[in-house]
Amino acid sequence: IEILFQPQFRCGDGRVLGAEALARWQHPQLGRIGAGALFAIAE
């Protein structure tokens, strides 16, 4: 299960403040499975 990070930017000067962690699964048959479907399968 790969963890991706989307940067977050401060308004005004555009400075990077941090990032949000997101999950992704590259299934060998079905291809990319994003966080929403991934958690539905886990549920």
PDB file of all heavy atoms in Angstrom:
ATOM      1  N   ILE A   1       0.861  -1.181   0.000  1.00  0.00           N
ATOM      2  CA  ILE A   1       0.000   0.000   0.000  1.00  0.00           C
ATOM      3  C   ILE A   1       0.897   1.230   0.000  1.00  0.00           C
ATOM      4  O   ILE A   1       1.630   1.475   0.952  1.00  0.00           O
ATOM      5  CB  ILE A   1      -0.943   0.018   1.208  1.00  0.00           C
ATOM      6  CG1 ILE A   1      -1.752  -1.284   1.279  1.00  0.00           C
ATOM      7  CG2 ILE A   1      -1.860   1.232   1.136  1.00  0.00           C
ATOM      8  CD1 ILE A   1      -2.615  -1.555   0.076  1.00  0.00           C
ATOM      9  N   GLU A   2       0.847   1.992  -1.082  1.00  0.00           N
ATOM     10  CA  GLU A   2       1.731   3.146  -1.234  1.00  0.00           C
ATOM     11  C   GLU A   2       1.129   4.377  -0.566  1.00  0.00           C
ATOM     12  O   GLU A   2      -0.082   4.614  -0.649  1.00  0.00           O
ATOM     13  CB  GLU A   2       1.953   3.433  -2.720  1.00  0.00           C
ATOM     14  CG  GLU A   2       2.951   4.558  -2.986  1.00  0.00           C
ATOM     15  CD  GLU A   2       3.127   4.837  -4.462  1.00  0.00           C
ATOM     16  OE1 GLU A   2       2.297   4.351  -5.260  1.00  0.00           O
ATOM     17  OE2 GLU A   2       4.100   5.524  -4.818  1.00  0.00           O
ATOM     18  N   ILE A   3       1.955   5.147   0.100  1.00  0.00           N
ATOM     19  CA  ILE A   3       1.525   6.391   0.719  1.00  0.00           C
ATOM     20  C   ILE A   3       2.026   7.556  -0.132  1.00  0.00           C
ATOM     21  O   ILE A   3       3.228   7.667  -0.399  1.00  0.00           O
ATOM     22  CB  ILE A   3       2.057   6.539   2.157  1.00  0.00           C
ATOM     23  CG1 ILE A   3       1.774   5.269   2.977  1.00  0.00           C
ATOM     24  CG2 ILE A   3       1.442   7.768   2.825  1.00  0.00           C
ATOM     25  CD1 ILE A   3       0.312   4.924   3.106  1.00  0.00           C
ATOM     26  N   LEU A   4       1.101   8.376  -0.577  1.00  0.00           N
ATOM     27  CA  LEU A   4       1.427   9.582  -1.330  1.00  0.00           C
ATOM     28  C   LEU A   4       1.175  10.805  -0.445  1.00  0.00           C
ATOM     29  O   LEU A   4       0.411  10.734   0.524  1.00  0.00           O
ATOM     30  CB  LEU A   4       0.579   9.677  -2.591  1.00  0.00           C
ATOM     31  CG  LEU A   4       0.624   8.489  -3.556  1.00  0.00           C
ATOM     32  CD1 LEU A   4      -0.299   8.729  -4.741  1.00  0.00           C
ATOM     33  CD2 LEU A   4       2.043   8.226  -4.026  1.00  0.00           C
ATOM     34  N   PHE A   5       1.800  11.913  -0.800  1.00  0.00           N
ATOM     35  CA  PHE A   5       1.665  13.126  -0.001  1.00  0.00           C
ATOM     36  C   PHE A   5       1.362  14.303  -0.929  1.00  0.00           C
ATOM     37  O   PHE A   5       2.105  14.569  -1.874  1.00  0.00           O
ATOM     38  CB  PHE A   5       2.956  13.411   0.769  1.00  0.00           C
ATOM     39  CG  PHE A   5       3.340  12.327   1.740  1.00  0.00           C
ATOM     40  CD1 PHE A   5       4.150  11.263   1.339  1.00  0.00           C
ATOM     41  CD2 PHE A   5       2.887  12.359   3.049  1.00  0.00           C
ATOM     42  CE1 PHE A   5       4.505  10.258   2.222  1.00  0.00           C
ATOM     43  CE2 PHE A   5       3.233  11.363   3.941  1.00  0.00           C
ATOM     44  CZ  PHE A   5       4.041  10.307   3.546  1.00  0.00           C
ATOM     45  N   GLN A   6       0.240  15.009  -0.645  1.00  0.00           N
ATOM     46  CA  GLN A   6      -0.089  16.193  -1.436  1.00  0.00           C
ATOM     47  C   GLN A   6       0.282  17.451  -0.643  1.00  0.00           C
ATOM     48  O   GLN A   6      -0.256  17.691   0.438  1.00  0.00           O
ATOM     49  CB  GLN A   6      -1.562  16.246  -1.815  1.00  0.00           C
ATOM     50  CG  GLN A   6      -1.858  17.420  -2.744  1.00  0.00           C
ATOM     51  CD  GLN A   6      -3.190  17.313  -3.434  1.00  0.00           C
ATOM     52  OE1 GLN A   6      -4.162  16.858  -2.832  1.00  0.00           O
ATOM     53  NE2 GLN A   6      -3.265  17.728  -4.696  1.00  0.00           N
ATOM     54  N   PRO A   7       1.184  18.264  -1.190  1.00  0.00           N
ATOM     55  CA  PRO A   7       1.632  19.464  -0.473  1.00  0.00           C
ATOM     56  C   PRO A   7       0.502  20.462  -0.236  1.00  0.00           C
ATOM     57  O   PRO A   7      -0.446  20.568  -1.027  1.00  0.00           O
ATOM     58  CB  PRO A   7       2.698  20.053  -1.403  1.00  0.00           C
ATOM     59  CG  PRO A   7       3.175  18.897  -2.219  1.00  0.00           C
ATOM     60  CD  PRO A   7       1.953  18.043  -2.428  1.00  0.00           C
ATOM     61  N   GLN A   8       0.644  21.205   0.870  1.00  0.00           N
ATOM     62  CA  GLN A   8      -0.291  22.270   1.223  1.00  0.00           C
ATOM     63  C   GLN A   8       0.486  23.584   1.274  1.00  0.00           C
ATOM     64  O   GLN A   8       1.610  23.628   1.786  1.00  0.00           O
ATOM     65  CB  GLN A   8      -0.953  21.966   2.573  1.00  0.00           C
ATOM     66  CG  GLN A   8      -1.767  20.676   2.539  1.00  0.00           C
ATOM     67  CD  GLN A   8      -2.256  20.234   3.909  1.00  0.00           C
ATOM     68  OE1 GLN A   8      -1.607  20.504   4.918  1.00  0.00           O
ATOM     69  NE2 GLN A   8      -3.388  19.551   3.951  1.00  0.00           N
ATOM     70  N   PHE A   9      -0.125  24.653   0.769  1.00  0.00           N
ATOM     71  CA  PHE A   9       0.564  25.925   0.586  1.00  0.00           C
ATOM     72  C   PHE A   9      -0.100  27.036   1.400  1.00  0.00           C
ATOM     73  O   PHE A   9      -1.333  27.087   1.485  1.00  0.00           O
ATOM     74  CB  PHE A   9       0.565  26.324  -0.894  1.00  0.00           C
ATOM     75  CG  PHE A   9       1.177  25.298  -1.798  1.00  0.00           C
ATOM     76  CD1 PHE A   9       0.420  24.248  -2.291  1.00  0.00           C
ATOM     77  CD2 PHE A   9       2.518  25.363  -2.146  1.00  0.00           C
ATOM     78  CE1 PHE A   9       0.976  23.287  -3.123  1.00  0.00           C
ATOM     79  CE2 PHE A   9       3.088  24.409  -2.979  1.00  0.00           C
ATOM     80  CZ  PHE A   9       2.316  23.367  -3.462  1.00  0.00           C
ATOM     81  N   ARG A  10       0.718  27.899   1.965  1.00  0.00           N
ATOM     82  CA  ARG A  10       0.188  29.033   2.709  1.00  0.00           C
ATOM     83  C   ARG A  10      -0.281  30.112   1.743  1.00  0.00           C
ATOM     84  O   ARG A  10       0.396  30.426   0.754  1.00  0.00           O
ATOM     85  CB  ARG A  10       1.255  29.599   3.645  1.00  0.00           C
ATOM     86  CG  ARG A  10       0.731  30.718   4.553  1.00  0.00           C
ATOM     87  CD  ARG A  10       1.684  31.008   5.679  1.00  0.00           C
ATOM     88  NE  ARG A  10       2.977  31.500   5.190  1.00  0.00           N
ATOM     89  CZ  ARG A  10       4.058  31.621   5.961  1.00  0.00           C
ATOM     90  NH1 ARG A  10       3.997  31.254   7.233  1.00  0.00           N
ATOM     91  NH2 ARG A  10       5.187  32.082   5.468  1.00  0.00           N
ATOM     92  N   CYS A  11      -1.447  30.664   2.015  1.00  0.00           N
ATOM     93  CA  CYS A  11      -1.943  31.755   1.191  1.00  0.00           C
ATOM     94  C   CYS A  11      -1.070  32.993   1.407  1.00  0.00           C
ATOM     95  O   CYS A  11      -0.596  33.256   2.501  1.00  0.00           O
ATOM     96  CB  CYS A  11      -3.395  32.071   1.545  1.00  0.00           C
ATOM     97  SG  CYS A  11      -4.578  30.840   0.955  1.00  0.00           S
ATOM     98  N   GLY A  12      -0.877  33.730   0.347  1.00  0.00           N
ATOM     99  CA  GLY A  12      -0.079  34.944   0.427  1.00  0.00           C
ATOM    100  C   GLY A  12       1.279  34.768  -0.202  1.00  0.00           C
ATOM    101  O   GLY A  12       1.567  35.335  -1.255  1.00  0.00           O
ATOM    102  N   ASP A  13       2.129  33.953   0.440  1.00  0.00           N
ATOM    103  CA  ASP A  13       3.487  33.799  -0.087  1.00  0.00           C
ATOM    104  C   ASP A  13       3.730  32.453  -0.756  1.00  0.00           C
ATOM    105  O   ASP A  13       4.802  32.221  -1.318  1.00  0.00           O
ATOM    106  CB  ASP A  13       4.520  34.023   1.019  1.00  0.00           C
ATOM    107  CG  ASP A  13       4.383  33.028   2.174  1.00  0.00           C
ATOM    108  OD1 ASP A  13       3.612  32.051   2.042  1.00  0.00           O
ATOM    109  OD2 ASP A  13       5.047  33.225   3.207  1.00  0.00           O
ATOM    110  N   GLY A  14       2.741  31.528  -0.732  1.00  0.00           N
ATOM    111  CA  GLY A  14       2.887  30.241  -1.406  1.00  0.00           C
ATOM    112  C   GLY A  14       3.845  29.283  -0.748  1.00  0.00           C
ATOM    113  O   GLY A  14       4.184  28.247  -1.330  1.00  0.00           O
ATOM    114  N   ARG A  15       4.273  29.576   0.476  1.00  0.00           N
ATOM    115  CA  ARG A  15       5.221  28.699   1.157  1.00  0.00           C
ATOM    116  C   ARG A  15       4.575  27.362   1.482  1.00  0.00           C
ATOM    117  O   ARG A  15       3.423  27.290   1.894  1.00  0.00           O
ATOM    118  CB  ARG A  15       5.698  29.368   2.445  1.00  0.00           C
ATOM    119  CG  ARG A  15       6.682  28.542   3.243  1.00  0.00           C
ATOM    120  CD  ARG A  15       7.144  29.307   4.478  1.00  0.00           C
ATOM    121  NE  ARG A  15       8.029  28.504   5.309  1.00  0.00           N
ATOM    122  CZ  ARG A  15       8.586  28.931   6.435  1.00  0.00           C
ATOM    123  NH1 ARG A  15       8.353  30.152   6.864  1.00  0.00           N
ATOM    124  NH2 ARG A  15       9.371  28.137   7.131  1.00  0.00           N
ATOM    125  N   VAL A  16       5.319  26.262   1.291  1.00  0.00           N
ATOM    126  CA  VAL A  16       4.811  24.932   1.624  1.00  0.00           C
ATOM    127  C   VAL A  16       4.746  24.788   3.140  1.00  0.00           C
ATOM    128  O   VAL A  16       5.731  25.023   3.847  1.00  0.00           O
ATOM    129  CB  VAL A  16       5.699  23.824   1.022  1.00  0.00           C
ATOM    130  CG1 VAL A  16       5.153  22.456   1.402  1.00  0.00           C
ATOM    131  CG2 VAL A  16       5.768  23.950  -0.492  1.00  0.00           C
ATOM    132  N   LEU A  17       3.560  24.392   3.639  1.00  0.00           N
ATOM    133  CA  LEU A  17       3.358  24.214   5.075  1.00  0.00           C
ATOM    134  C   LEU A  17       3.514  22.768   5.510  1.00  0.00           C
ATOM    135  O   LEU A  17       3.881  22.491   6.650  1.00  0.00           O
ATOM    136  CB  LEU A  17       1.960  24.704   5.464  1.00  0.00           C
ATOM    137  CG  LEU A  17       1.662  26.182   5.215  1.00  0.00           C
ATOM    138  CD1 LEU A  17       0.208  26.480   5.538  1.00  0.00           C
ATOM    139  CD2 LEU A  17       2.589  27.045   6.059  1.00  0.00           C
ATOM    140  N   GLY A  18       3.211  21.859   4.609  1.00  0.00           N
ATOM    141  CA  GLY A  18       3.250  20.442   4.934  1.00  0.00           C
ATOM    142  C   GLY A  18       2.558  19.652   3.846  1.00  0.00           C
ATOM    143  O   GLY A  18       2.505  20.098   2.690  1.00  0.00           O
ATOM    144  N   ALA A  19       1.995  18.498   4.204  1.00  0.00           N
ATOM    145  CA  ALA A  19       1.350  17.664   3.190  1.00  0.00           C
ATOM    146  C   ALA A  19       0.320  16.758   3.837  1.00  0.00           C
ATOM    147  O   ALA A  19       0.416  16.415   5.020  1.00  0.00           O
ATOM    148  CB  ALA A  19       2.390  16.826   2.448  1.00  0.00           C
ATOM    149  N   GLU A  20      -0.667  16.363   3.031  1.00  0.00           N
ATOM    150  CA  GLU A  20      -1.674  15.396   3.464  1.00  0.00           C
ATOM    151  C   GLU A  20      -1.296  14.011   2.944  1.00  0.00           C
ATOM    152  O   GLU A  20      -0.918  13.857   1.779  1.00  0.00           O
ATOM    153  CB  GLU A  20      -3.052  15.780   2.914  1.00  0.00           C
ATOM    154  CG  GLU A  20      -4.139  14.773   3.264  1.00  0.00           C
ATOM    155  CD  GLU A  20      -5.466  15.064   2.584  1.00  0.00           C
ATOM    156  OE1 GLU A  20      -5.535  16.045   1.811  1.00  0.00           O
ATOM    157  OE2 GLU A  20      -6.421  14.301   2.808  1.00  0.00           O
ATOM    158  N   ALA A  21      -1.388  13.013   3.814  1.00  0.00           N
ATOM    159  CA  ALA A  21      -1.068  11.634   3.433  1.00  0.00           C
ATOM    160  C   ALA A  21      -2.284  10.972   2.790  1.00  0.00           C
ATOM    161  O   ALA A  21      -3.400  11.065   3.310  1.00  0.00           O
ATOM    162  CB  ALA A  21      -0.626  10.838   4.653  1.00  0.00           C
ATOM    163  N   LEU A  22      -2.066  10.310   1.655  1.00  0.00           N
ATOM    164  CA  LEU A  22      -3.119   9.616   0.922  1.00  0.00           C
ATOM    165  C   LEU A  22      -2.625   8.216   0.566  1.00  0.00           C
ATOM    166  O   LEU A  22      -1.447   8.031   0.269  1.00  0.00           O
ATOM    167  CB  LEU A  22      -3.481  10.378  -0.343  1.00  0.00           C
ATOM    168  CG  LEU A  22      -3.935  11.835  -0.151  1.00  0.00           C
ATOM    169  CD1 LEU A  22      -3.919  12.577  -1.481  1.00  0.00           C
ATOM    170  CD2 LEU A  22      -5.315  11.877   0.473  1.00  0.00           C
ATOM    171  N   ALA A  23      -3.523   7.256   0.562  1.00  0.00           N
ATOM    172  CA  ALA A  23      -3.134   5.871   0.271  1.00  0.00           C
ATOM    173  C   ALA A  23      -3.530   5.488  -1.149  1.00  0.00           C
ATOM    174  O   ALA A  23      -4.530   5.975  -1.689  1.00  0.00           O
ATOM    175  CB  ALA A  23      -3.791   4.921   1.264  1.00  0.00           C
ATOM    176  N   ARG A  24      -2.739   4.590  -1.747  1.00  0.00           N
ATOM    177  CA  ARG A  24      -3.038   4.076  -3.082  1.00  0.00           C
ATOM    178  C   ARG A  24      -2.531   2.647  -3.171  1.00  0.00           C
ATOM    179  O   ARG A  24      -1.481   2.310  -2.621  1.00  0.00           O
ATOM    180  CB  ARG A  24      -2.382   4.947  -4.146  1.00  0.00           C
ATOM    181  CG  ARG A  24      -2.704   4.507  -5.575  1.00  0.00           C
ATOM    182  CD  ARG A  24      -2.158   5.495  -6.586  1.00  0.00           C
ATOM    183  NE  ARG A  24      -0.698   5.491  -6.631  1.00  0.00           N
ATOM    184  CZ  ARG A  24       0.013   6.304  -7.397  1.00  0.00           C
ATOM    185  NH1 ARG A  24      -0.573   7.223  -8.132  1.00  0.00           N
ATOM    186  NH2 ARG A  24       1.326   6.232  -7.399  1.00  0.00           N
ATOM    187  N   TRP A  25      -3.284   1.819  -3.887  1.00  0.00           N
ATOM    188  CA  TRP A  25      -2.912   0.414  -4.063  1.00  0.00           C
ATOM    189  C   TRP A  25      -2.902   0.114  -5.561  1.00  0.00           C
ATOM    190  O   TRP A  25      -3.904   0.294  -6.246  1.00  0.00           O
ATOM    191  CB  TRP A  25      -3.918  -0.469  -3.329  1.00  0.00           C
ATOM    192  CG  TRP A  25      -3.686  -1.945  -3.443  1.00  0.00           C
ATOM    193  CD1 TRP A  25      -2.524  -2.594  -3.725  1.00  0.00           C
ATOM    194  CD2 TRP A  25      -4.671  -2.966  -3.242  1.00  0.00           C
ATOM    195  NE1 TRP A  25      -2.711  -3.957  -3.720  1.00  0.00           N
ATOM    196  CE2 TRP A  25      -4.021  -4.226  -3.416  1.00  0.00           C
ATOM    197  CE3 TRP A  25      -6.020  -2.960  -2.918  1.00  0.00           C
ATOM    198  CZ2 TRP A  25      -4.695  -5.428  -3.291  1.00  0.00           C
ATOM    199  CZ3 TRP A  25      -6.691  -4.162  -2.786  1.00  0.00           C
ATOM    200  CH2 TRP A  25      -6.032  -5.379  -2.971  1.00  0.00           C
ATOM    201  N   GLN A  26      -1.785  -0.335  -6.061  1.00  0.00           N
ATOM    202  CA  GLN A  26      -1.689  -0.728  -7.469  1.00  0.00           C
ATOM    203  C   GLN A  26      -1.943  -2.226  -7.549  1.00  0.00           C
ATOM    204  O   GLN A  26      -1.039  -3.039  -7.366  1.00  0.00           O
ATOM    205  CB  GLN A  26      -0.304  -0.366  -8.030  1.00  0.00           C
ATOM    206  CG  GLN A  26      -0.204  -0.467  -9.543  1.00  0.00           C
ATOM    207  CD  GLN A  26      -1.046   0.582 -10.267  1.00  0.00           C
ATOM    208  OE1 GLN A  26      -1.283   1.662  -9.755  1.00  0.00           O
ATOM    209  NE2 GLN A  26      -1.509   0.238 -11.464  1.00  0.00           N
ATOM    210  N   HIS A  27      -3.199  -2.586  -7.821  1.00  0.00           N
ATOM    211  CA  HIS A  27      -3.578  -3.997  -7.872  1.00  0.00           C
ATOM    212  C   HIS A  27      -3.078  -4.608  -9.178  1.00  0.00           C
ATOM    213  O   HIS A  27      -3.186  -3.988 -10.243  1.00  0.00           O
ATOM    214  CB  HIS A  27      -5.091  -4.131  -7.768  1.00  0.00           C
ATOM    215  CG  HIS A  27      -5.565  -5.525  -7.543  1.00  0.00           C
ATOM    216  ND1 HIS A  27      -5.722  -6.425  -8.570  1.00  0.00           N
ATOM    217  CD2 HIS A  27      -5.896  -6.184  -6.404  1.00  0.00           C
ATOM    218  CE1 HIS A  27      -6.147  -7.580  -8.074  1.00  0.00           C
ATOM    219  NE2 HIS A  27      -6.260  -7.466  -6.768  1.00  0.00           N
ATOM    220  N   PRO A  28      -2.532  -5.815  -9.135  1.00  0.00           N
ATOM    221  CA  PRO A  28      -1.934  -6.402 -10.351  1.00  0.00           C
ATOM    222  C   PRO A  28      -2.932  -6.638 -11.480  1.00  0.00           C
ATOM    223  O   PRO A  28      -2.554  -6.619 -12.651  1.00  0.00           O
ATOM    224  CB  PRO A  28      -1.331  -7.724  -9.856  1.00  0.00           C
ATOM    225  CG  PRO A  28      -1.975  -7.992  -8.545  1.00  0.00           C
ATOM    226  CD  PRO A  28      -2.310  -6.664  -7.956  1.00  0.00           C
ATOM    227  N   GLN A  29      -4.228  -6.849 -11.166  1.00  0.00           N
ATOM    228  CA  GLN A  29      -5.221  -7.077 -12.216  1.00  0.00           C
ATOM    229  C   GLN A  29      -6.106  -5.857 -12.470  1.00  0.00           C
ATOM    230  O   GLN A  29      -6.420  -5.536 -13.608  1.00  0.00           O
ATOM    231  CB  GLN A  29      -6.130  -8.270 -11.861  1.00  0.00           C
ATOM    232  CG  GLN A  29      -5.540  -9.616 -12.209  1.00  0.00           C
ATOM    233  CD  GLN A  29      -4.437 -10.013 -11.240  1.00  0.00           C
ATOM    234  OE1 GLN A  29      -4.581  -9.811 -10.028  1.00  0.00           O
ATOM    235  NE2 GLN A  29      -3.360 -10.572 -11.753  1.00  0.00           N
ATOM    236  N   LEU A  30      -6.512  -5.174 -11.409  1.00  0.00           N
ATOM    237  CA  LEU A  30      -7.486  -4.098 -11.549  1.00  0.00           C
ATOM    238  C   LEU A  30      -6.855  -2.720 -11.702  1.00  0.00           C
ATOM    239  O   LEU A  30      -7.544  -1.752 -11.956  1.00  0.00           O
ATOM    240  CB  LEU A  30      -8.435  -4.092 -10.337  1.00  0.00           C
ATOM    241  CG  LEU A  30      -9.297  -5.349 -10.173  1.00  0.00           C
ATOM    242  CD1 LEU A  30     -10.139  -5.253  -8.919  1.00  0.00           C
ATOM    243  CD2 LEU A  30     -10.180  -5.560 -11.395  1.00  0.00           C
ATOM    244  N   GLY A  31      -5.543  -2.637 -11.541  1.00  0.00           N
ATOM    245  CA  GLY A  31      -4.882  -1.346 -11.677  1.00  0.00           C
ATOM    246  C   GLY A  31      -4.985  -0.513 -10.415  1.00  0.00           C
ATOM    247  O   GLY A  31      -5.167  -1.037  -9.318  1.00  0.00           O
ATOM    248  N   ARG A  32      -4.912   0.807 -10.580  1.00  0.00           N
ATOM    249  CA  ARG A  32      -4.872   1.692  -9.427  1.00  0.00           C
ATOM    250  C   ARG A  32      -6.187   1.678  -8.663  1.00  0.00           C
ATOM    251  O   ARG A  32      -7.262   1.816  -9.243  1.00  0.00           O
ATOM    252  CB  ARG A  32      -4.577   3.126  -9.858  1.00  0.00           C
ATOM    253  CG  ARG A  32      -4.287   4.048  -8.680  1.00  0.00           C
ATOM    254  CD  ARG A  32      -4.159   5.494  -9.112  1.00  0.00           C
ATOM    255  NE  ARG A  32      -5.463   6.097  -9.355  1.00  0.00           N
ATOM    256  CZ  ARG A  32      -5.634   7.373  -9.640  1.00  0.00           C
ATOM    257  NH1 ARG A  32      -4.586   8.169  -9.767  1.00  0.00           N
ATOM    258  NH2 ARG A  32      -6.842   7.861  -9.844  1.00  0.00           N
ATOM    259  N   ILE A  33      -6.091   1.525  -7.356  1.00  0.00           N
ATOM    260  CA  ILE A  33      -7.237   1.612  -6.456  1.00  0.00           C
ATOM    261  C   ILE A  33      -6.945   2.742  -5.480  1.00  0.00           C
ATOM    262  O   ILE A  33      -5.986   2.674  -4.705  1.00  0.00           O
ATOM    263  CB  ILE A  33      -7.473   0.287  -5.714  1.00  0.00           C
ATOM    264  CG1 ILE A  33      -7.825  -0.821  -6.715  1.00  0.00           C
ATOM    265  CG2 ILE A  33      -8.582   0.439  -4.674  1.00  0.00           C
ATOM    266  CD1 ILE A  33      -8.013  -2.191  -6.090  1.00  0.00           C
ATOM    267  N   GLY A  34      -7.755   3.801  -5.545  1.00  0.00           N
ATOM    268  CA  GLY A  34      -7.542   4.955  -4.687  1.00  0.00           C
ATOM    269  C   GLY A  34      -8.058   4.741  -3.283  1.00  0.00           C
ATOM    270  O   GLY A  34      -8.623   3.687  -2.941  1.00  0.00           O
ATOM    271  N   ALA A  35      -7.903   5.778  -2.464  1.00  0.00           N
ATOM    272  CA  ALA A  35      -8.190   5.644  -1.044  1.00  0.00           C
ATOM    273  C   ALA A  35      -9.645   5.286  -0.764  1.00  0.00           C
ATOM    274  O   ALA A  35      -9.939   4.476   0.115  1.00  0.00           O
ATOM    275  CB  ALA A  35      -7.820   6.937  -0.322  1.00  0.00           C
ATOM    276  N   GLY A  36     -10.590   5.888  -1.517  1.00  0.00           N
ATOM    277  CA  GLY A  36     -11.996   5.631  -1.251  1.00  0.00           C
ATOM    278  C   GLY A  36     -12.363   4.166  -1.428  1.00  0.00           C
ATOM    279  O   GLY A  36     -12.940   3.544  -0.529  1.00  0.00           O
ATOM    280  N   ALA A  37     -12.033   3.604  -2.589  1.00  0.00           N
ATOM    281  CA  ALA A  37     -12.334   2.187  -2.833  1.00  0.00           C
ATOM    282  C   ALA A  37     -11.498   1.288  -1.939  1.00  0.00           C
ATOM    283  O   ALA A  37     -11.958   0.224  -1.507  1.00  0.00           O
ATOM    284  CB  ALA A  37     -12.083   1.850  -4.298  1.00  0.00           C
ATOM    285  N   LEU A  38     -10.289   1.701  -1.641  1.00  0.00           N
ATOM    286  CA  LEU A  38      -9.411   0.907  -0.782  1.00  0.00           C
ATOM    287  C   LEU A  38     -10.041   0.716   0.595  1.00  0.00           C
ATOM    288  O   LEU A  38     -10.076  -0.397   1.145  1.00  0.00           O
ATOM    289  CB  LEU A  38      -8.057   1.601  -0.668  1.00  0.00           C
ATOM    290  CG  LEU A  38      -6.973   0.939   0.181  1.00  0.00           C
ATOM    291  CD1 LEU A  38      -6.704  -0.479  -0.280  1.00  0.00           C
ATOM    292  CD2 LEU A  38      -5.694   1.773   0.119  1.00  0.00           C
ATOM    293  N   PHE A  39     -10.567   1.792   1.162  1.00  0.00           N
ATOM    294  CA  PHE A  39     -11.201   1.678   2.476  1.00  0.00           C
ATOM    295  C   PHE A  39     -12.530   0.930   2.403  1.00  0.00           C
ATOM    296  O   PHE A  39     -12.924   0.260   3.359  1.00  0.00           O
ATOM    297  CB  PHE A  39     -11.385   3.059   3.106  1.00  0.00           C
ATOM    298  CG  PHE A  39     -10.180   3.504   3.895  1.00  0.00           C
ATOM    299  CD1 PHE A  39      -9.219   4.318   3.322  1.00  0.00           C
ATOM    300  CD2 PHE A  39     -10.000   3.084   5.202  1.00  0.00           C
ATOM    301  CE1 PHE A  39      -8.100   4.714   4.026  1.00  0.00           C
ATOM    302  CE2 PHE A  39      -8.877   3.475   5.922  1.00  0.00           C
ATOM    303  CZ  PHE A  39      -7.927   4.290   5.339  1.00  0.00           C
ATOM    304  N   ALA A  40     -13.228   1.026   1.257  1.00  0.00           N
ATOM    305  CA  ALA A  40     -14.458   0.252   1.099  1.00  0.00           C
ATOM    306  C   ALA A  40     -14.157  -1.249   1.103  1.00  0.00           C
ATOM    307  O   ALA A  40     -14.876  -2.044   1.712  1.00  0.00           O
ATOM    308  CB  ALA A  40     -15.159   0.654  -0.194  1.00  0.00           C
ATOM    309  N   ILE A  41     -13.087  -1.644   0.428  1.00  0.00           N
ATOM    310  CA  ILE A  41     -12.675  -3.051   0.433  1.00  0.00           C
ATOM    311  C   ILE A  41     -12.289  -3.472   1.849  1.00  0.00           C
ATOM    312  O   ILE A  41     -12.662  -4.550   2.330  1.00  0.00           O
ATOM    313  CB  ILE A  41     -11.498  -3.268  -0.540  1.00  0.00           C
ATOM    314  CG1 ILE A  41     -11.944  -2.995  -1.974  1.00  0.00           C
ATOM    315  CG2 ILE A  41     -10.948  -4.685  -0.428  1.00  0.00           C
ATOM    316  CD1 ILE A  41     -10.795  -2.846  -2.955  1.00  0.00           C
ATOM    317  N   ALA A  42     -11.540  -2.607   2.527  1.00  0.00           N
ATOM    318  CA  ALA A  42     -11.117  -2.920   3.892  1.00  0.00           C
ATOM    319  C   ALA A  42     -12.318  -3.051   4.823  1.00  0.00           C
ATOM    320  O   ALA A  42     -12.328  -3.897   5.729  1.00  0.00           O
ATOM    321  CB  ALA A  42     -10.170  -1.839   4.400  1.00  0.00           C
ATOM    322  N   GLU A  43     -13.340  -2.230   4.606  1.00  0.00           N
ATOM    323  CA  GLU A  43     -14.537  -2.309   5.454  1.00  0.00           C
ATOM    324  C   GLU A  43     -15.247  -3.641   5.262  1.00  0.00           C
ATOM    325  O   GLU A  43     -15.704  -4.267   6.222  1.00  0.00           O
ATOM    326  CB  GLU A  43     -15.475  -1.146   5.136  1.00  0.00           C
ATOM    327  CG  GLU A  43     -16.684  -1.082   6.047  1.00  0.00           C
ATOM    328  CD  GLU A  43     -17.511   0.163   5.809  1.00  0.00           C
ATOM    329  OE1 GLU A  43     -17.109   1.006   4.984  1.00  0.00           O
ATOM    330  OE2 GLU A  43     -18.569   0.284   6.450  1.00  0.00           O
TER     331      GLU A  43
END
